[in-house]
Protein backbone atom coordinates (compact mmCIF):
# COMPACT_ATOMS: atom_id res chain seq x y z
CA MET A 1 -0.07 0.09 -0.07
CA ASN A 2 0.94 3.62 -0.55
CA ASN A 3 1.49 6.01 2.40
CA LYS A 4 -2.09 7.57 1.47
CA LYS A 5 -4.80 6.22 3.83
CA LYS A 6 -7.63 4.32 2.02
CA GLN A 7 -10.84 6.30 2.29
CA ILE A 8 -13.71 4.10 3.17
CA ALA A 9 -17.44 4.75 2.94
CA ILE A 10 -19.53 2.40 5.08
CA LEU A 11 -23.16 1.99 3.97
CA GLY A 12 -24.93 0.63 7.14
CA SER A 13 -22.15 1.28 9.64
CA THR A 14 -24.38 0.67 12.80
CA GLY A 15 -25.21 -2.85 11.85
CA SER A 16 -23.13 -6.06 12.61
CA ILE A 17 -20.82 -5.84 9.50
CA GLY A 18 -20.51 -2.08 9.70
CA THR A 19 -19.42 -2.03 13.43
CA GLN A 20 -16.97 -4.80 12.95
CA ALA A 21 -15.48 -2.90 9.85
CA LEU A 22 -14.94 -0.06 12.14
CA GLU A 23 -13.05 -2.34 14.55
CA VAL A 24 -10.90 -3.24 11.50
CA ILE A 25 -10.30 0.46 10.67
CA GLU A 26 -9.35 1.18 14.21
CA GLU A 27 -6.80 -1.60 14.44
CA HIS A 28 -5.22 -0.42 11.28
CA SER A 29 -5.67 3.39 11.57
CA ASP A 30 -2.57 3.89 9.73
CA LEU A 31 -3.97 2.37 6.61
CA TYR A 32 -7.58 3.19 6.70
CA GLU A 33 -9.77 6.15 7.23
CA VAL A 34 -13.52 6.55 7.55
CA TYR A 35 -14.77 9.04 4.74
CA CYS A 36 -18.55 8.41 5.43
CA LEU A 37 -20.81 6.52 7.66
CA THR A 38 -24.48 5.87 6.97
CA ALA A 39 -27.46 4.29 8.92
CA ASN A 40 -31.24 3.81 8.57
CA ASN A 41 -32.49 4.61 11.90
CA LYS A 42 -29.84 4.42 14.63
CA VAL A 43 -29.07 8.01 15.10
CA GLU A 44 -27.56 7.67 18.40
CA LEU A 45 -24.99 4.99 17.47
CA LEU A 46 -24.33 6.73 14.18
CA ALA A 47 -23.52 10.00 16.10
CA GLN A 48 -21.23 8.19 18.49
CA GLN A 49 -19.43 6.56 15.46
CA ALA A 50 -19.21 9.83 13.90
CA HIS A 51 -17.69 11.52 17.22
CA LYS A 52 -15.05 8.71 17.29
CA PHE A 53 -14.10 8.40 13.63
CA ASN A 54 -14.62 11.97 12.52
CA PRO A 55 -15.83 11.19 9.01
CA ALA A 56 -16.16 13.95 6.36
CA ALA A 57 -20.01 13.18 6.12
CA ILE A 58 -22.73 10.91 7.65
CA VAL A 59 -26.19 10.11 6.26
CA ILE A 60 -29.39 8.85 7.98
CA ALA A 61 -31.72 7.32 5.36
CA ASN A 62 -34.77 7.89 7.48
CA GLU A 63 -35.33 11.74 6.72
CA GLN A 64 -37.53 11.99 9.89
CA ARG A 65 -34.54 11.33 11.93
CA TYR A 66 -32.53 14.18 10.42
CA ASP A 67 -33.21 17.05 13.03
CA GLU A 68 -32.41 14.65 15.82
CA LEU A 69 -28.99 13.48 14.13
CA LYS A 70 -28.30 17.24 13.51
CA GLN A 71 -28.75 18.10 16.92
CA LEU A 72 -26.47 15.20 18.15
CA MET A 73 -23.76 16.43 15.96
CA SER A 74 -23.98 20.00 16.88
CA ASP A 75 -20.56 20.00 18.54
CA MET A 76 -18.95 18.56 15.32
CA PRO A 77 -19.76 21.31 12.65
CA ASP A 78 -17.03 20.08 10.29
CA VAL A 79 -18.99 16.66 9.86
CA LYS A 80 -21.52 17.13 7.04
CA VAL A 81 -25.01 15.54 7.88
CA TYR A 82 -27.41 14.47 5.24
CA ALA A 83 -30.45 12.43 5.10
CA GLY A 84 -32.71 10.37 2.67
CA SER A 85 -31.95 7.72 -0.14
CA GLN A 86 -30.83 10.27 -2.58
CA ALA A 87 -28.21 11.46 -0.20
CA LEU A 88 -26.98 7.86 -0.01
CA ASP A 89 -26.72 7.76 -3.86
CA GLU A 90 -24.92 10.93 -4.13
CA ILE A 91 -22.35 10.65 -0.96
CA VAL A 92 -21.02 7.19 -2.48
CA GLU A 93 -19.75 9.30 -5.41
CA ALA A 94 -17.56 11.69 -3.55
CA GLU A 95 -14.14 11.90 -5.24
CA PRO A 96 -11.92 11.28 -2.09
CA ILE A 97 -13.60 7.63 -1.55
CA ASP A 98 -11.57 4.64 -2.51
CA MET A 99 -13.73 1.76 -1.38
CA VAL A 100 -17.48 1.50 -0.49
CA LEU A 101 -18.44 -1.21 2.03
CA THR A 102 -22.11 -2.06 1.25
CA ALA A 103 -23.43 -3.33 4.63
CA MET A 104 -26.86 -2.23 4.28
CA VAL A 105 -29.52 -4.90 4.58
CA GLY A 106 -32.08 -5.45 1.91
CA PHE A 107 -33.17 -3.97 -1.49
CA ALA A 108 -32.24 -0.63 -0.39
CA GLY A 109 -28.55 -1.42 -0.94
CA LEU A 110 -28.95 -1.83 -4.54
CA SER A 111 -29.21 1.92 -5.84
CA PRO A 112 -26.24 3.33 -3.85
CA THR A 113 -24.25 0.31 -4.84
CA ILE A 114 -24.96 1.18 -8.58
CA HIS A 115 -23.95 4.70 -7.98
CA ALA A 116 -20.75 3.74 -6.35
CA ILE A 117 -19.81 1.26 -9.32
CA LYS A 118 -20.48 4.14 -11.92
CA ALA A 119 -18.15 6.47 -9.77
CA ARG A 120 -15.60 3.67 -10.27
CA LYS A 121 -15.28 2.90 -6.38
CA ALA A 122 -14.05 -0.49 -5.40
CA ILE A 123 -16.85 -2.37 -3.85
CA ALA A 124 -16.56 -4.47 -0.62
CA LEU A 125 -20.04 -6.38 -1.05
CA ALA A 126 -21.77 -7.43 2.07
CA ASN A 127 -25.40 -6.46 0.81
CA LYS A 128 -26.16 -9.74 -0.78
CA GLU A 129 -29.65 -8.55 -1.95
CA THR A 130 -27.63 -6.52 -4.42
CA LEU A 131 -26.51 -9.48 -6.49
CA VAL A 132 -29.74 -11.58 -5.65
CA VAL A 133 -32.08 -9.00 -7.19
CA ALA A 134 -29.74 -7.71 -10.07
CA GLY A 135 -26.73 -9.75 -10.33
CA GLU A 136 -26.58 -9.53 -14.20
CA LEU A 137 -26.87 -6.00 -14.03
CA ILE A 138 -24.38 -5.44 -11.57
CA LEU A 139 -21.73 -7.50 -13.28
CA GLN A 140 -22.36 -5.68 -16.60
CA LEU A 141 -21.89 -2.22 -14.88
CA ALA A 142 -18.81 -3.50 -12.91
CA GLN A 143 -17.34 -4.61 -16.28
CA GLN A 144 -18.19 -1.49 -17.91
CA TYR A 145 -16.70 0.90 -15.22
CA HIS A 146 -13.82 -1.36 -14.43
CA THR A 147 -14.95 -1.59 -10.77
CA PRO A 148 -13.72 -4.50 -8.48
CA ILE A 149 -16.34 -6.28 -6.41
CA LEU A 150 -14.53 -8.00 -3.36
CA PRO A 151 -16.85 -10.27 -1.47
CA VAL A 152 -17.32 -9.77 2.41
CA ASP A 153 -19.76 -12.64 2.93
CA SER A 154 -17.36 -15.20 4.98
CA GLU A 155 -18.76 -18.08 2.46
CA HIS A 156 -17.91 -16.04 -0.70
CA SER A 157 -14.62 -14.64 0.79
CA ALA A 158 -13.77 -18.19 1.36
CA ILE A 159 -14.37 -19.13 -2.19
CA PHE A 160 -12.44 -15.90 -3.18
CA GLN A 161 -9.61 -16.86 -1.09
CA SER A 162 -9.56 -20.32 -2.49
CA LEU A 163 -9.40 -19.07 -5.94
CA VAL A 164 -6.66 -16.75 -5.56
CA GLY A 165 -3.54 -18.01 -7.62
CA GLU A 166 -5.67 -20.44 -9.54
CA ASP A 167 -6.04 -17.85 -12.67
CA ASP A 168 -8.44 -19.56 -15.09
CA ASN A 169 -8.53 -23.18 -13.76
CA PRO A 170 -11.97 -24.45 -14.14
CA ILE A 171 -14.26 -24.81 -11.23
CA GLU A 172 -16.02 -28.22 -11.05
CA LYS A 173 -17.95 -27.43 -7.88
CA ILE A 174 -18.35 -24.91 -5.15
CA LEU A 175 -18.97 -26.13 -1.81
CA LEU A 176 -20.81 -23.61 0.10
CA THR A 177 -20.98 -24.20 3.82
CA ALA A 178 -24.06 -23.42 6.12
CA SER A 179 -24.18 -23.49 9.88
CA GLY A 180 -27.76 -24.98 9.72
CA GLY A 181 -29.16 -22.22 12.15
CA PRO A 182 -30.67 -22.63 15.40
CA PHE A 183 -33.41 -25.37 13.94
CA ARG A 184 -31.08 -27.90 12.23
CA LEU A 185 -32.01 -30.62 14.62
CA LYS A 186 -35.87 -29.81 14.83
CA SER A 187 -38.42 -31.81 13.24
CA LEU A 188 -40.98 -30.21 10.58
CA ASP A 189 -43.70 -30.52 13.38
CA GLU A 190 -41.48 -28.65 15.64
CA LEU A 191 -40.76 -25.90 13.38
CA ALA A 192 -44.46 -25.02 13.05
CA THR A 193 -44.28 -23.61 16.63
CA VAL A 194 -41.01 -22.03 16.85
CA THR A 195 -40.84 -18.40 17.81
CA LYS A 196 -38.98 -15.35 16.74
CA ALA A 197 -37.03 -15.62 20.07
CA ASP A 198 -36.02 -19.24 19.15
CA ALA A 199 -34.97 -18.18 15.65
CA LEU A 200 -32.87 -15.17 17.01
CA ARG A 201 -30.67 -17.43 19.04
CA HIS A 202 -28.12 -18.25 16.35
CA PRO A 203 -25.56 -20.80 17.62
CA THR A 204 -22.66 -19.51 15.87
CA TRP A 205 -22.81 -16.11 14.37
CA ASP A 206 -23.88 -12.73 15.80
CA MET A 207 -25.81 -10.91 13.13
CA GLY A 208 -28.58 -8.42 12.68
CA ALA A 209 -32.20 -9.62 13.35
CA LYS A 210 -33.02 -9.92 9.35
CA ILE A 211 -30.09 -11.85 8.45
CA THR A 212 -30.38 -14.20 11.63
CA ILE A 213 -34.08 -14.94 10.70
CA ASP A 214 -32.88 -15.62 7.13
CA SER A 215 -30.32 -18.03 8.63
CA ALA A 216 -32.96 -19.84 10.55
CA THR A 217 -35.10 -20.64 7.26
CA MET A 218 -31.95 -21.01 5.32
CA MET A 219 -33.00 -18.44 2.93
CA ASN A 220 -29.75 -16.65 3.66
CA LYS A 221 -28.13 -19.78 2.19
CA GLY A 222 -30.27 -19.61 -0.81
CA PHE A 223 -29.33 -16.07 -1.59
CA GLU A 224 -25.63 -16.98 -1.10
CA VAL A 225 -26.22 -19.65 -3.75
CA ILE A 226 -27.44 -16.84 -6.32
CA GLU A 227 -24.70 -14.66 -5.28
CA ALA A 228 -22.12 -17.22 -5.87
CA LYS A 229 -23.55 -17.98 -9.39
CA TRP A 230 -22.94 -14.40 -10.25
CA LEU A 231 -19.53 -13.77 -8.52
CA PHE A 232 -17.90 -16.99 -9.66
CA GLY A 233 -19.58 -17.62 -13.00
CA VAL A 234 -21.12 -20.99 -12.32
CA GLY A 235 -24.30 -22.75 -12.56
CA ALA A 236 -26.76 -23.68 -9.82
CA SER A 237 -25.84 -27.47 -10.51
CA GLN A 238 -22.19 -26.66 -9.79
CA ILE A 239 -23.14 -25.25 -6.14
CA GLN A 240 -23.53 -27.73 -3.49
CA VAL A 241 -24.63 -26.72 -0.02
CA LEU A 242 -23.17 -28.48 3.12
CA VAL A 243 -24.58 -27.87 6.49
CA HIS A 244 -21.33 -27.56 8.71
CA PRO A 245 -22.53 -26.74 12.32
CA GLN A 246 -18.97 -25.64 13.55
CA SER A 247 -18.75 -22.96 11.00
CA ILE A 248 -14.88 -23.50 10.58
CA VAL A 249 -14.73 -24.36 6.83
CA HIS A 250 -16.16 -21.14 5.46
CA SER A 251 -16.56 -22.76 2.04
CA ALA A 252 -14.51 -24.60 -0.56
CA VAL A 253 -13.81 -25.05 -4.19
CA GLN A 254 -13.42 -28.36 -6.24
CA PHE A 255 -11.32 -28.16 -9.28
CA HIS A 256 -11.71 -30.19 -12.51
CA ASP A 257 -8.56 -32.48 -11.34
CA GLY A 258 -10.58 -33.23 -8.15
CA ALA A 259 -8.54 -31.17 -5.83
CA VAL A 260 -10.45 -29.28 -3.28
CA LYS A 261 -9.23 -25.99 -1.64
CA ALA A 262 -10.98 -24.56 1.46
CA GLN A 263 -10.73 -21.47 3.64
CA LEU A 264 -10.69 -22.49 7.35
CA GLY A 265 -10.90 -20.08 10.52
CA VAL A 266 -12.58 -19.16 13.62
CA PRO A 267 -16.09 -17.61 13.00
CA ASP A 268 -15.07 -13.99 13.02
CA MET A 269 -16.44 -11.64 10.33
CA ARG A 270 -13.49 -9.13 10.62
CA LEU A 271 -11.34 -11.39 8.67
CA PRO A 272 -13.47 -11.30 5.53
CA ILE A 273 -13.98 -7.61 6.15
CA GLN A 274 -10.23 -6.89 6.47
CA TYR A 275 -9.32 -9.03 3.40
CA ALA A 276 -11.65 -7.18 1.15
CA PHE A 277 -9.99 -3.99 2.52
CA SER A 278 -6.41 -5.06 2.11
CA PHE A 279 -6.51 -7.44 -0.79
CA PRO A 280 -4.04 -8.82 -2.04
CA GLN A 281 -2.30 -8.30 1.16
CA ARG A 282 -2.83 -9.96 4.20
CA LEU A 283 -2.75 -7.89 7.43
CA PRO A 284 -2.28 -9.03 11.01
CA LEU A 285 -5.63 -9.36 12.94
CA SER A 286 -6.11 -9.62 16.71
CA GLY A 287 -8.27 -12.46 17.91
CA ASN A 288 -8.64 -16.15 18.61
CA ARG A 289 -6.85 -18.64 16.37
CA LEU A 290 -8.14 -21.71 14.99
CA ASP A 291 -7.42 -25.00 17.04
CA LEU A 292 -8.46 -28.14 15.07
CA PHE A 293 -7.89 -30.35 17.99
CA THR A 294 -10.76 -29.01 20.04
CA GLN A 295 -13.72 -30.01 17.93
CA PRO A 296 -14.60 -32.34 14.86
CA LEU A 297 -15.61 -30.91 11.44
CA GLU A 298 -19.18 -32.52 10.46
CA PHE A 299 -20.91 -31.96 7.23
CA PHE A 300 -24.55 -32.87 6.41
CA GLU A 301 -27.01 -32.51 3.48
CA PRO A 302 -29.63 -29.88 4.00
CA ASP A 303 -33.24 -31.08 4.34
CA LEU A 304 -35.05 -29.00 1.70
CA LYS A 305 -38.48 -30.24 3.19
CA LYS A 306 -37.95 -28.43 6.40
CA PHE A 307 -35.88 -25.69 4.69
CA ARG A 308 -38.17 -25.07 1.66
CA CYS A 309 -36.60 -21.46 1.40
CA LEU A 310 -33.45 -22.86 0.16
CA GLU A 311 -35.23 -24.93 -2.49
CA LEU A 312 -37.26 -21.93 -3.60
CA ALA A 313 -33.90 -20.01 -4.10
CA PHE A 314 -32.63 -22.69 -6.26
CA GLU A 315 -35.84 -22.73 -8.25
CA ALA A 316 -35.34 -18.71 -8.62
CA ILE A 317 -31.89 -19.34 -10.11
CA LEU A 318 -33.26 -21.86 -12.59
CA ARG A 319 -36.07 -19.65 -13.72
CA GLY A 320 -33.73 -16.66 -13.97
CA GLY A 321 -34.99 -13.11 -14.94
CA ASN A 322 -36.79 -11.19 -12.27
CA MET A 323 -37.54 -14.38 -10.11
CA PRO A 324 -34.69 -13.69 -7.68
CA CYS A 325 -35.96 -10.17 -7.41
CA ILE A 326 -39.38 -11.58 -6.57
CA VAL A 327 -38.12 -14.05 -3.95
CA ASN A 328 -36.12 -11.26 -2.29
CA ALA A 329 -39.00 -8.89 -1.89
CA ALA A 330 -41.39 -11.46 -0.58
CA ASN A 331 -38.79 -12.54 1.72
CA GLU A 332 -38.20 -9.14 3.14
CA ILE A 333 -42.00 -8.93 3.72
CA VAL A 334 -42.36 -12.33 5.57
CA ASN A 335 -39.12 -11.75 7.47
CA ARG A 336 -40.46 -8.57 8.79
CA GLY A 337 -43.86 -10.21 9.54
CA PHE A 338 -42.24 -13.04 11.42
CA LEU A 339 -40.29 -10.67 13.46
CA GLU A 340 -43.50 -8.71 14.34
CA ASP A 341 -45.43 -11.93 15.10
CA ARG A 342 -47.67 -11.69 12.06
CA CYS A 343 -46.40 -14.85 10.42
CA GLY A 344 -45.58 -18.38 11.43
CA PHE A 345 -42.07 -19.86 10.56
CA LEU A 346 -43.34 -22.22 8.00
CA GLN A 347 -45.84 -19.82 6.59
CA MET A 348 -42.94 -17.71 5.41
CA SER A 349 -41.90 -20.09 2.60
CA ASP A 350 -45.68 -20.51 1.75
CA VAL A 351 -46.08 -16.79 1.20
CA ILE A 352 -42.85 -16.72 -0.97
CA ALA A 353 -43.88 -19.72 -3.08
CA GLU A 354 -47.16 -18.17 -3.87
CA THR A 355 -45.94 -14.70 -4.66
CA MET A 356 -43.46 -16.47 -7.11
CA GLN A 357 -46.56 -17.80 -8.90
CA ARG A 358 -48.55 -14.53 -8.88
CA CYS A 359 -45.94 -12.02 -9.74
CA THR A 360 -45.47 -10.66 -13.11
CA PHE A 361 -42.34 -12.63 -14.61
CA SER A 362 -39.77 -11.03 -16.84
CA ALA A 363 -37.11 -12.93 -18.49
CA THR A 364 -34.95 -9.91 -19.55
CA PRO A 365 -35.28 -7.26 -16.58
CA ASP A 366 -33.59 -3.94 -16.63
CA TYR A 367 -33.20 -1.69 -13.66
CA ASP A 368 -36.84 -0.26 -13.95
CA THR A 369 -38.14 -3.72 -14.09
CA TYR A 370 -36.41 -4.64 -10.94
CA ILE A 371 -37.90 -1.57 -9.17
CA GLN A 372 -41.40 -2.44 -10.41
CA THR A 373 -40.96 -6.18 -9.68
CA ASP A 374 -39.88 -5.30 -6.01
CA ALA A 375 -43.00 -2.92 -5.36
CA GLU A 376 -45.30 -5.66 -7.06
CA ALA A 377 -43.89 -8.50 -5.08
CA ARG A 378 -44.00 -6.59 -1.77
CA ARG A 379 -47.68 -5.67 -2.43
CA ILE A 380 -48.75 -9.40 -3.28
CA ALA A 381 -46.75 -10.86 -0.25
CA THR A 382 -48.31 -8.18 1.96
CA GLU A 383 -51.79 -9.06 1.06
CA LEU A 384 -51.04 -12.83 1.41
CA LEU A 385 -49.71 -12.28 4.85
CA ALA A 386 -52.94 -10.39 5.72
CA LYS A 387 -55.18 -13.23 4.88
């Protein structure tokens, strides 16, 4: 690296990925500097982060919280304060920014990611919905604007790390690992009565509520399958999901000579975040180290009857077009419904499946199609949930 500190914008700085990214930046403050922080609603934490890291600007997506944030930042007049989705799109285009970490959750991350790509900012991608909804469009834009996309999800980072040095050696299969979530050992009957409190107790990872519920349904893994298809140019038939409760093997790649390369480590999201920041270099990182003597490494096939969301994600890949966008929109609705006690655990996949049947299908979507599809699918899923 040169002597100039890399200027990083963090979209979603108050979430799990965002806060851990700030830990990485703090540990390597000689190399990285925060240019911008954004949040959706958490004004108090955003203001605390701004006081600590002194960014050039901060953005609160919820415009109704702007005055509150402005007041909290009144003692730091040099930090510019903005609000709204348009401000998110504009801030990522700021000239000093070198890299944008897209750690926002949901469809809302798509537009600022597109703006960042068009501004030729390197993308550290943690917002999986961006590729789930519009993978083809995102890859076309990244190629057009010569913008690197570095995966931050632990699984996709593991695959990326396994491919480094392999040049164009053909991939035979991607082995995408999954913890199995909190309900791995429960029966289908037991899943009918689980609560959000049960679902939020993830056995391995500390994540935000939305992603934790997606992990419990295994929709999170379905989205990662879709991401892997776009990131690594493979078909759905070349991606195998393995339930690996220990979360030590973060994923692996099998090549056409039968060799398998995997990336292993303790469950710590700071590692893939830091690797995206520092690639191709590896920097020192504080924390625990892997001890393979202390536990076995187990692998199981996922049960698609119990975790139908994973099956629906594979179906969305095979149908292509805007179908993954439909699945994502419906999932955001049922996920919120489950968290608000308006939806049962097994009902989530039922609503998603019916939304897939009812929503207008487009085999060749563009950006406007994705916007229309997202709105239509949300409306249909909301109506189904209200029945």
